[in-house]
Amino acid sequence: MNRLFGRAVAISGDAALVYEVNLDSDRGRVFVFRRNGTEWSYSESLLPAVRFPGDFFGSDMALDDEVALIGAFGDPLNVETAHNDRSGSIFLLNLTQP
């Protein structure tokens, strides 16, 4: 797979979000890293519940403490016409909730 890692990054406190896109499908994913002292380690991956080729989930991000805003500029407004409509979406996530 052809992937691009780290094109977008958001850091706040002891949390960091890192964007990765699969260049074959243009589907994005966000990796969460946590800092403990001076060490950073992988915590989890974030994905939308429904994914579409070309969603670019994570291409724009903001992080304030444990609240993340994650953009997906290619996400369709209507899933039935996914390839005709690329209005985009923004996801509001609380990273402390399971």
PDB file of N, CA and C in Angstrom:
ATOM      1  N   MET A   1       0.836  -1.180   0.000  1.00  0.00           N
ATOM      2  CA  MET A   1       0.000   0.000   0.000  1.00  0.00           C
ATOM      3  C   MET A   1       0.876   1.237   0.000  1.00  0.00           C
ATOM      4  N   ASN A   2       0.382   2.246  -0.641  1.00  0.00           N
ATOM      5  CA  ASN A   2       1.071   3.512  -0.742  1.00  0.00           C
ATOM      6  C   ASN A   2       0.454   4.479   0.270  1.00  0.00           C
ATOM      7  N   ARG A   3       1.182   4.811   1.339  1.00  0.00           N
ATOM      8  CA  ARG A   3       0.633   5.631   2.429  1.00  0.00           C
ATOM      9  C   ARG A   3       1.493   6.858   2.669  1.00  0.00           C
ATOM     10  N   LEU A   4       0.816   7.905   3.137  1.00  0.00           N
ATOM     11  CA  LEU A   4       1.491   9.140   3.508  1.00  0.00           C
ATOM     12  C   LEU A   4       1.177   9.395   4.974  1.00  0.00           C
ATOM     13  N   PHE A   5       2.193   9.387   5.834  1.00  0.00           N
ATOM     14  CA  PHE A   5       2.025   9.499   7.280  1.00  0.00           C
ATOM     15  C   PHE A   5       2.570  10.845   7.756  1.00  0.00           C
ATOM     16  N   GLY A   6       1.769  11.560   8.569  1.00  0.00           N
ATOM     17  CA  GLY A   6       2.245  12.775   9.206  1.00  0.00           C
ATOM     18  C   GLY A   6       2.022  14.056   8.422  1.00  0.00           C
ATOM     19  N   ARG A   7       1.192  14.014   7.416  1.00  0.00           N
ATOM     20  CA  ARG A   7       0.919  15.222   6.614  1.00  0.00           C
ATOM     21  C   ARG A   7       0.233  16.291   7.465  1.00  0.00           C
ATOM     22  N   ALA A   8      -0.555  15.868   8.450  1.00  0.00           N
ATOM     23  CA  ALA A   8      -1.191  16.783   9.404  1.00  0.00           C
ATOM     24  C   ALA A   8      -0.964  16.233  10.807  1.00  0.00           C
ATOM     25  N   VAL A   9      -0.714  17.139  11.743  1.00  0.00           N
ATOM     26  CA  VAL A   9      -0.464  16.762  13.136  1.00  0.00           C
ATOM     27  C   VAL A   9      -1.123  17.800  14.036  1.00  0.00           C
ATOM     28  N   ALA A  10      -1.708  17.351  15.142  1.00  0.00           N
ATOM     29  CA  ALA A  10      -2.250  18.242  16.164  1.00  0.00           C
ATOM     30  C   ALA A  10      -1.765  17.739  17.518  1.00  0.00           C
ATOM     31  N   ILE A  11      -1.259  18.656  18.345  1.00  0.00           N
ATOM     32  CA  ILE A  11      -0.727  18.277  19.660  1.00  0.00           C
ATOM     33  C   ILE A  11      -1.327  19.194  20.715  1.00  0.00           C
ATOM     34  N   SER A  12      -1.735  18.600  21.824  1.00  0.00           N
ATOM     35  CA  SER A  12      -2.208  19.361  22.976  1.00  0.00           C
ATOM     36  C   SER A  12      -1.911  18.556  24.226  1.00  0.00           C
ATOM     37  N   GLY A  13      -1.189  19.169  25.148  1.00  0.00           N
ATOM     38  CA  GLY A  13      -0.843  18.476  26.386  1.00  0.00           C
ATOM     39  C   GLY A  13      -0.063  17.209  26.118  1.00  0.00           C
ATOM     40  N   ASP A  14      -0.574  16.090  26.590  1.00  0.00           N
ATOM     41  CA  ASP A  14       0.090  14.797  26.439  1.00  0.00           C
ATOM     42  C   ASP A  14      -0.533  13.929  25.349  1.00  0.00           C
ATOM     43  N   ALA A  15      -1.260  14.562  24.430  1.00  0.00           N
ATOM     44  CA  ALA A  15      -1.882  13.819  23.330  1.00  0.00           C
ATOM     45  C   ALA A  15      -1.453  14.416  21.994  1.00  0.00           C
ATOM     46  N   ALA A  16      -1.292  13.554  21.010  1.00  0.00           N
ATOM     47  CA  ALA A  16      -0.962  13.982  19.651  1.00  0.00           C
ATOM     48  C   ALA A  16      -1.798  13.184  18.666  1.00  0.00           C
ATOM     49  N   LEU A  17      -2.284  13.864  17.637  1.00  0.00           N
ATOM     50  CA  LEU A  17      -3.012  13.227  16.542  1.00  0.00           C
ATOM     51  C   LEU A  17      -2.138  13.309  15.302  1.00  0.00           C
ATOM     52  N   VAL A  18      -2.035  12.204  14.574  1.00  0.00           N
ATOM     53  CA  VAL A  18      -1.232  12.165  13.352  1.00  0.00           C
ATOM     54  C   VAL A  18      -2.081  11.568  12.238  1.00  0.00           C
ATOM     55  N   TYR A  19      -2.137  12.280  11.127  1.00  0.00           N
ATOM     56  CA  TYR A  19      -2.940  11.887   9.962  1.00  0.00           C
ATOM     57  C   TYR A  19      -2.135  10.963   9.059  1.00  0.00           C
ATOM     58  N   GLU A  20      -2.818   9.931   8.565  1.00  0.00           N
ATOM     59  CA  GLU A  20      -2.248   9.059   7.543  1.00  0.00           C
ATOM     60  C   GLU A  20      -3.303   8.867   6.460  1.00  0.00           C
ATOM     61  N   VAL A  21      -2.880   8.941   5.206  1.00  0.00           N
ATOM     62  CA  VAL A  21      -3.794   8.703   4.106  1.00  0.00           C
ATOM     63  C   VAL A  21      -3.254   7.574   3.237  1.00  0.00           C
ATOM     64  N   ASN A  22      -4.155   6.705   2.816  1.00  0.00           N
ATOM     65  CA  ASN A  22      -3.821   5.651   1.867  1.00  0.00           C
ATOM     66  C   ASN A  22      -3.938   6.284   0.482  1.00  0.00           C
ATOM     67  N   LEU A  23      -2.848   6.452  -0.206  1.00  0.00           N
ATOM     68  CA  LEU A  23      -2.847   7.145  -1.491  1.00  0.00           C
ATOM     69  C   LEU A  23      -3.513   6.339  -2.598  1.00  0.00           C
ATOM     70  N   ASP A  24      -3.746   5.052  -2.376  1.00  0.00           N
ATOM     71  CA  ASP A  24      -4.443   4.234  -3.366  1.00  0.00           C
ATOM     72  C   ASP A  24      -5.955   4.472  -3.337  1.00  0.00           C
ATOM     73  N   SER A  25      -6.505   4.780  -2.143  1.00  0.00           N
ATOM     74  CA  SER A  25      -7.954   4.986  -2.024  1.00  0.00           C
ATOM     75  C   SER A  25      -8.306   6.378  -1.522  1.00  0.00           C
ATOM     76  N   ASP A  26      -7.322   7.145  -1.070  1.00  0.00           N
ATOM     77  CA  ASP A  26      -7.529   8.469  -0.477  1.00  0.00           C
ATOM     78  C   ASP A  26      -8.387   8.420   0.776  1.00  0.00           C
ATOM     79  N   ARG A  27      -8.384   7.274   1.451  1.00  0.00           N
ATOM     80  CA  ARG A  27      -9.066   7.152   2.742  1.00  0.00           C
ATOM     81  C   ARG A  27      -8.078   7.509   3.840  1.00  0.00           C
ATOM     82  N   GLY A  28      -8.538   8.335   4.765  1.00  0.00           N
ATOM     83  CA  GLY A  28      -7.668   8.749   5.852  1.00  0.00           C
ATOM     84  C   GLY A  28      -7.943   8.023   7.144  1.00  0.00           C
ATOM     85  N   ARG A  29      -6.986   8.161   8.046  1.00  0.00           N
ATOM     86  CA  ARG A  29      -7.101   7.605   9.397  1.00  0.00           C
ATOM     87  C   ARG A  29      -6.279   8.512  10.300  1.00  0.00           C
ATOM     88  N   VAL A  30      -6.635   8.543  11.575  1.00  0.00           N
ATOM     89  CA  VAL A  30      -5.920   9.357  12.550  1.00  0.00           C
ATOM     90  C   VAL A  30      -5.384   8.437  13.641  1.00  0.00           C
ATOM     91  N   PHE A  31      -4.093   8.575  13.906  1.00  0.00           N
ATOM     92  CA  PHE A  31      -3.457   7.835  14.988  1.00  0.00           C
ATOM     93  C   PHE A  31      -3.344   8.732  16.205  1.00  0.00           C
ATOM     94  N   VAL A  32      -3.653   8.183  17.375  1.00  0.00           N
ATOM     95  CA  VAL A  32      -3.524   8.909  18.635  1.00  0.00           C
ATOM     96  C   VAL A  32      -2.287   8.389  19.352  1.00  0.00           C
ATOM     97  N   PHE A  33      -1.435   9.318  19.749  1.00  0.00           N
ATOM     98  CA  PHE A  33      -0.245   8.989  20.540  1.00  0.00           C
ATOM     99  C   PHE A  33      -0.355   9.699  21.884  1.00  0.00           C
ATOM    100  N   ARG A  34       0.154   9.050  22.922  1.00  0.00           N
ATOM    101  CA  ARG A  34       0.138   9.604  24.283  1.00  0.00           C
ATOM    102  C   ARG A  34       1.566   9.724  24.803  1.00  0.00           C
ATOM    103  N   ARG A  35       1.804  10.803  25.537  1.00  0.00           N
ATOM    104  CA  ARG A  35       3.121  11.009  26.145  1.00  0.00           C
ATOM    105  C   ARG A  35       3.054  10.637  27.619  1.00  0.00           C
ATOM    106  N   ASN A  36       4.061   9.881  28.045  1.00  0.00           N
ATOM    107  CA  ASN A  36       4.244   9.546  29.449  1.00  0.00           C
ATOM    108  C   ASN A  36       5.677   9.920  29.789  1.00  0.00           C
ATOM    109  N   GLY A  37       5.849  11.029  30.476  1.00  0.00           N
ATOM    110  CA  GLY A  37       7.197  11.539  30.746  1.00  0.00           C
ATOM    111  C   GLY A  37       7.811  12.062  29.457  1.00  0.00           C
ATOM    112  N   THR A  38       8.883  11.427  29.004  1.00  0.00           N
ATOM    113  CA  THR A  38       9.539  11.843  27.757  1.00  0.00           C
ATOM    114  C   THR A  38       9.264  10.870  26.611  1.00  0.00           C
ATOM    115  N   GLU A  39       8.451   9.849  26.863  1.00  0.00           N
ATOM    116  CA  GLU A  39       8.177   8.818  25.860  1.00  0.00           C
ATOM    117  C   GLU A  39       6.799   9.018  25.233  1.00  0.00           C
ATOM    118  N   TRP A  40       6.736   8.937  23.908  1.00  0.00           N
ATOM    119  CA  TRP A  40       5.479   8.942  23.180  1.00  0.00           C
ATOM    120  C   TRP A  40       5.187   7.519  22.721  1.00  0.00           C
ATOM    121  N   SER A  41       3.919   7.091  22.864  1.00  0.00           N
ATOM    122  CA  SER A  41       3.557   5.746  22.399  1.00  0.00           C
ATOM    123  C   SER A  41       2.175   5.769  21.749  1.00  0.00           C
ATOM    124  N   TYR A  42       1.992   4.836  20.828  1.00  0.00           N
ATOM    125  CA  TYR A  42       0.721   4.695  20.125  1.00  0.00           C
ATOM    126  C   TYR A  42      -0.379   4.321  21.112  1.00  0.00           C
ATOM    127  N   SER A  43      -1.551   4.953  20.971  1.00  0.00           N
ATOM    128  CA  SER A  43      -2.682   4.663  21.840  1.00  0.00           C
ATOM    129  C   SER A  43      -3.834   3.992  21.080  1.00  0.00           C
ATOM    130  N   GLU A  44      -4.254   4.596  19.955  1.00  0.00           N
ATOM    131  CA  GLU A  44      -5.389   4.057  19.204  1.00  0.00           C
ATOM    132  C   GLU A  44      -5.462   4.702  17.829  1.00  0.00           C
ATOM    133  N   SER A  45      -6.306   4.123  16.969  1.00  0.00           N
ATOM    134  CA  SER A  45      -6.602   4.697  15.652  1.00  0.00           C
ATOM    135  C   SER A  45      -8.042   5.186  15.651  1.00  0.00           C
ATOM    136  N   LEU A  46      -8.274   6.297  14.970  1.00  0.00           N
ATOM    137  CA  LEU A  46      -9.617   6.843  14.844  1.00  0.00           C
ATOM    138  C   LEU A  46     -10.055   6.746  13.385  1.00  0.00           C
ATOM    139  N   LEU A  47     -11.265   6.250  13.191  1.00  0.00           N
ATOM    140  CA  LEU A  47     -11.861   6.120  11.857  1.00  0.00           C
ATOM    141  C   LEU A  47     -13.328   6.498  11.950  1.00  0.00           C
ATOM    142  N   PRO A  48     -13.896   7.046  10.877  1.00  0.00           N
ATOM    143  CA  PRO A  48     -15.336   7.280  10.896  1.00  0.00           C
ATOM    144  C   PRO A  48     -16.084   5.948  10.831  1.00  0.00           C
ATOM    145  N   ALA A  49     -17.324   5.938  11.282  1.00  0.00           N
ATOM    146  CA  ALA A  49     -18.120   4.701  11.274  1.00  0.00           C
ATOM    147  C   ALA A  49     -18.353   4.204   9.853  1.00  0.00           C
ATOM    148  N   VAL A  50     -18.540   5.112   8.921  1.00  0.00           N
ATOM    149  CA  VAL A  50     -18.726   4.766   7.518  1.00  0.00           C
ATOM    150  C   VAL A  50     -17.623   5.460   6.733  1.00  0.00           C
ATOM    151  N   ARG A  51     -16.904   4.686   5.930  1.00  0.00           N
ATOM    152  CA  ARG A  51     -15.773   5.240   5.173  1.00  0.00           C
ATOM    153  C   ARG A  51     -16.048   5.183   3.687  1.00  0.00           C
ATOM    154  N   PHE A  52     -15.512   6.179   2.985  1.00  0.00           N
ATOM    155  CA  PHE A  52     -15.656   6.251   1.539  1.00  0.00           C
ATOM    156  C   PHE A  52     -14.303   6.531   0.911  1.00  0.00           C
ATOM    157  N   PRO A  53     -14.038   5.963  -0.250  1.00  0.00           N
ATOM    158  CA  PRO A  53     -12.817   6.352  -0.964  1.00  0.00           C
ATOM    159  C   PRO A  53     -12.846   7.862  -1.204  1.00  0.00           C
ATOM    160  N   GLY A  54     -11.742   8.495  -0.948  1.00  0.00           N
ATOM    161  CA  GLY A  54     -11.658   9.939  -1.151  1.00  0.00           C
ATOM    162  C   GLY A  54     -12.179  10.768   0.000  1.00  0.00           C
ATOM    163  N   ASP A  55     -12.416  10.153   1.180  1.00  0.00           N
ATOM    164  CA  ASP A  55     -12.927  10.942   2.304  1.00  0.00           C
ATOM    165  C   ASP A  55     -11.863  11.847   2.928  1.00  0.00           C
ATOM    166  N   PHE A  56     -10.607  11.443   2.847  1.00  0.00           N
ATOM    167  CA  PHE A  56      -9.490  12.189   3.445  1.00  0.00           C
ATOM    168  C   PHE A  56      -9.751  12.501   4.920  1.00  0.00           C
ATOM    169  N   PHE A  57     -10.312  11.518   5.645  1.00  0.00           N
ATOM    170  CA  PHE A  57     -10.586  11.680   7.073  1.00  0.00           C
ATOM    171  C   PHE A  57      -9.283  11.984   7.804  1.00  0.00           C
ATOM    172  N   GLY A  58      -9.234  13.124   8.501  1.00  0.00           N
ATOM    173  CA  GLY A  58      -8.062  13.515   9.270  1.00  0.00           C
ATOM    174  C   GLY A  58      -7.156  14.510   8.576  1.00  0.00           C
ATOM    175  N   SER A  59      -7.527  14.921   7.376  1.00  0.00           N
ATOM    176  CA  SER A  59      -6.659  15.832   6.623  1.00  0.00           C
ATOM    177  C   SER A  59      -6.519  17.188   7.301  1.00  0.00           C
ATOM    178  N   ASP A  60      -7.486  17.568   8.117  1.00  0.00           N
ATOM    179  CA  ASP A  60      -7.426  18.782   8.932  1.00  0.00           C
ATOM    180  C   ASP A  60      -7.848  18.404  10.342  1.00  0.00           C
ATOM    181  N   MET A  61      -7.084  18.884  11.332  1.00  0.00           N
ATOM    182  CA  MET A  61      -7.379  18.508  12.711  1.00  0.00           C
ATOM    183  C   MET A  61      -7.065  19.658  13.652  1.00  0.00           C
ATOM    184  N   ALA A  62      -7.770  19.661  14.780  1.00  0.00           N
ATOM    185  CA  ALA A  62      -7.464  20.561  15.887  1.00  0.00           C
ATOM    186  C   ALA A  62      -7.659  19.754  17.166  1.00  0.00           C
ATOM    187  N   LEU A  63      -6.843  20.047  18.156  1.00  0.00           N
ATOM    188  CA  LEU A  63      -6.913  19.319  19.422  1.00  0.00           C
ATOM    189  C   LEU A  63      -6.765  20.300  20.564  1.00  0.00           C
ATOM    190  N   ASP A  64      -7.705  20.268  21.497  1.00  0.00           N
ATOM    191  CA  ASP A  64      -7.654  21.095  22.700  1.00  0.00           C
ATOM    192  C   ASP A  64      -7.890  20.179  23.886  1.00  0.00           C
ATOM    193  N   ASP A  65      -6.824  19.919  24.619  1.00  0.00           N
ATOM    194  CA  ASP A  65      -6.865  18.973  25.728  1.00  0.00           C
ATOM    195  C   ASP A  65      -7.295  17.614  25.187  1.00  0.00           C
ATOM    196  N   GLU A  66      -8.484  17.142  25.492  1.00  0.00           N
ATOM    197  CA  GLU A  66      -8.945  15.824  25.024  1.00  0.00           C
ATOM    198  C   GLU A  66     -10.071  15.932  24.000  1.00  0.00           C
ATOM    199  N   VAL A  67     -10.339  17.125  23.495  1.00  0.00           N
ATOM    200  CA  VAL A  67     -11.394  17.332  22.503  1.00  0.00           C
ATOM    201  C   VAL A  67     -10.750  17.534  21.135  1.00  0.00           C
ATOM    202  N   ALA A  68     -11.152  16.705  20.186  1.00  0.00           N
ATOM    203  CA  ALA A  68     -10.575  16.750  18.842  1.00  0.00           C
ATOM    204  C   ALA A  68     -11.634  17.120  17.818  1.00  0.00           C
ATOM    205  N   LEU A  69     -11.245  17.975  16.879  1.00  0.00           N
ATOM    206  CA  LEU A  69     -12.035  18.248  15.682  1.00  0.00           C
ATOM    207  C   LEU A  69     -11.273  17.629  14.523  1.00  0.00           C
ATOM    208  N   ILE A  70     -11.927  16.763  13.789  1.00  0.00           N
ATOM    209  CA  ILE A  70     -11.266  16.062  12.685  1.00  0.00           C
ATOM    210  C   ILE A  70     -12.088  16.282  11.419  1.00  0.00           C
ATOM    211  N   GLY A  71     -11.433  16.812  10.409  1.00  0.00           N
ATOM    212  CA  GLY A  71     -12.098  17.094   9.150  1.00  0.00           C
ATOM    213  C   GLY A  71     -11.912  15.977   8.138  1.00  0.00           C
ATOM    214  N   ALA A  72     -12.898  15.865   7.255  1.00  0.00           N
ATOM    215  CA  ALA A  72     -12.848  14.917   6.137  1.00  0.00           C
ATOM    216  C   ALA A  72     -13.424  15.657   4.932  1.00  0.00           C
ATOM    217  N   PHE A  73     -12.569  16.378   4.212  1.00  0.00           N
ATOM    218  CA  PHE A  73     -13.075  17.286   3.177  1.00  0.00           C
ATOM    219  C   PHE A  73     -13.728  16.568   2.004  1.00  0.00           C
ATOM    220  N   GLY A  74     -13.473  15.280   1.823  1.00  0.00           N
ATOM    221  CA  GLY A  74     -14.077  14.546   0.725  1.00  0.00           C
ATOM    222  C   GLY A  74     -15.239  13.671   1.127  1.00  0.00           C
ATOM    223  N   ASP A  75     -15.695  13.792   2.363  1.00  0.00           N
ATOM    224  CA  ASP A  75     -16.792  12.963   2.862  1.00  0.00           C
ATOM    225  C   ASP A  75     -18.097  13.384   2.184  1.00  0.00           C
ATOM    226  N   PRO A  76     -18.897  12.430   1.691  1.00  0.00           N
ATOM    227  CA  PRO A  76     -20.142  12.794   1.002  1.00  0.00           C
ATOM    228  C   PRO A  76     -21.244  13.188   1.976  1.00  0.00           C
ATOM    229  N   LEU A  77     -22.090  14.114   1.532  1.00  0.00           N
ATOM    230  CA  LEU A  77     -23.242  14.527   2.318  1.00  0.00           C
ATOM    231  C   LEU A  77     -24.313  13.440   2.316  1.00  0.00           C
ATOM    232  N   ASN A  78     -24.482  12.799   1.189  1.00  0.00           N
ATOM    233  CA  ASN A  78     -25.510  11.781   1.023  1.00  0.00           C
ATOM    234  C   ASN A  78     -24.828  10.464   0.644  1.00  0.00           C
ATOM    235  N   VAL A  79     -24.955   9.458   1.499  1.00  0.00           N
ATOM    236  CA  VAL A  79     -24.251   8.196   1.245  1.00  0.00           C
ATOM    237  C   VAL A  79     -24.756   7.474  -0.004  1.00  0.00           C
ATOM    238  N   GLU A  80     -25.988   7.750  -0.415  1.00  0.00           N
ATOM    239  CA  GLU A  80     -26.518   7.093  -1.611  1.00  0.00           C
ATOM    240  C   GLU A  80     -25.909   7.673  -2.891  1.00  0.00           C
ATOM    241  N   THR A  81     -25.467   8.914  -2.831  1.00  0.00           N
ATOM    242  CA  THR A  81     -24.850   9.551  -3.996  1.00  0.00           C
ATOM    243  C   THR A  81     -23.400   9.914  -3.671  1.00  0.00           C
ATOM    244  N   ALA A  82     -22.732   9.008  -3.007  1.00  0.00           N
ATOM    245  CA  ALA A  82     -21.399   9.284  -2.458  1.00  0.00           C
ATOM    246  C   ALA A  82     -20.412   9.801  -3.486  1.00  0.00           C
ATOM    247  N   HIS A  83     -20.507   9.371  -4.706  1.00  0.00           N
ATOM    248  CA  HIS A  83     -19.513   9.789  -5.690  1.00  0.00           C
ATOM    249  C   HIS A  83     -19.889  11.092  -6.389  1.00  0.00           C
ATOM    250  N   ASN A  84     -21.095  11.597  -6.141  1.00  0.00           N
ATOM    251  CA  ASN A  84     -21.541  12.828  -6.784  1.00  0.00           C
ATOM    252  C   ASN A  84     -21.482  14.037  -5.864  1.00  0.00           C
ATOM    253  N   ASP A  85     -21.280  13.815  -4.598  1.00  0.00           N
ATOM    254  CA  ASP A  85     -21.390  14.888  -3.613  1.00  0.00           C
ATOM    255  C   ASP A  85     -20.223  14.818  -2.642  1.00  0.00           C
ATOM    256  N   ARG A  86     -19.379  15.800  -2.637  1.00  0.00           N
ATOM    257  CA  ARG A  86     -18.225  15.828  -1.727  1.00  0.00           C
ATOM    258  C   ARG A  86     -18.246  17.103  -0.892  1.00  0.00           C
ATOM    259  N   SER A  87     -19.279  17.212  -0.054  1.00  0.00           N
ATOM    260  CA  SER A  87     -19.446  18.417   0.746  1.00  0.00           C
ATOM    261  C   SER A  87     -18.508  18.467   1.948  1.00  0.00           C
ATOM    262  N   GLY A  88     -18.015  17.313   2.403  1.00  0.00           N
ATOM    263  CA  GLY A  88     -17.119  17.258   3.551  1.00  0.00           C
ATOM    264  C   GLY A  88     -17.856  17.125   4.869  1.00  0.00           C
ATOM    265  N   SER A  89     -17.113  16.743   5.884  1.00  0.00           N
ATOM    266  CA  SER A  89     -17.666  16.573   7.230  1.00  0.00           C
ATOM    267  C   SER A  89     -16.624  16.987   8.245  1.00  0.00           C
ATOM    268  N   ILE A  90     -17.110  17.278   9.445  1.00  0.00           N
ATOM    269  CA  ILE A  90     -16.213  17.501  10.579  1.00  0.00           C
ATOM    270  C   ILE A  90     -16.731  16.647  11.734  1.00  0.00           C
ATOM    271  N   PHE A  91     -15.810  16.016  12.423  1.00  0.00           N
ATOM    272  CA  PHE A  91     -16.148  15.116  13.523  1.00  0.00           C
ATOM    273  C   PHE A  91     -15.632  15.719  14.822  1.00  0.00           C
ATOM    274  N   LEU A  92     -16.488  15.775  15.836  1.00  0.00           N
ATOM    275  CA  LEU A  92     -16.130  16.252  17.159  1.00  0.00           C
ATOM    276  C   LEU A  92     -16.010  15.032  18.061  1.00  0.00           C
ATOM    277  N   LEU A  93     -14.826  14.804  18.616  1.00  0.00           N
ATOM    278  CA  LEU A  93     -14.585  13.606  19.426  1.00  0.00           C
ATOM    279  C   LEU A  93     -13.992  13.984  20.769  1.00  0.00           C
ATOM    280  N   ASN A  94     -14.440  13.305  21.806  1.00  0.00           N
ATOM    281  CA  ASN A  94     -13.838  13.411  23.123  1.00  0.00           C
ATOM    282  C   ASN A  94     -12.933  12.191  23.287  1.00  0.00           C
ATOM    283  N   LEU A  95     -11.645  12.398  23.357  1.00  0.00           N
ATOM    284  CA  LEU A  95     -10.695  11.276  23.385  1.00  0.00           C
ATOM    285  C   LEU A  95     -10.714  10.500  24.698  1.00  0.00           C
ATOM    286  N   THR A  96     -11.331  11.032  25.745  1.00  0.00           N
ATOM    287  CA  THR A  96     -11.367  10.315  27.016  1.00  0.00           C
ATOM    288  C   THR A  96     -12.548   9.360  27.101  1.00  0.00           C
ATOM    289  N   GLN A  97     -13.516   9.459  26.193  1.00  0.00           N
ATOM    290  CA  GLN A  97     -14.666   8.553  26.222  1.00  0.00           C
ATOM    291  C   GLN A  97     -14.334   7.283  25.445  1.00  0.00           C
ATOM    292  N   PRO A  98     -14.787   6.123  25.970  1.00  0.00           N
ATOM    293  CA  PRO A  98     -14.521   4.859  25.251  1.00  0.00           C
ATOM    294  C   PRO A  98     -15.273   4.754  23.950  1.00  0.00           C
TER     295      PRO A  98
END
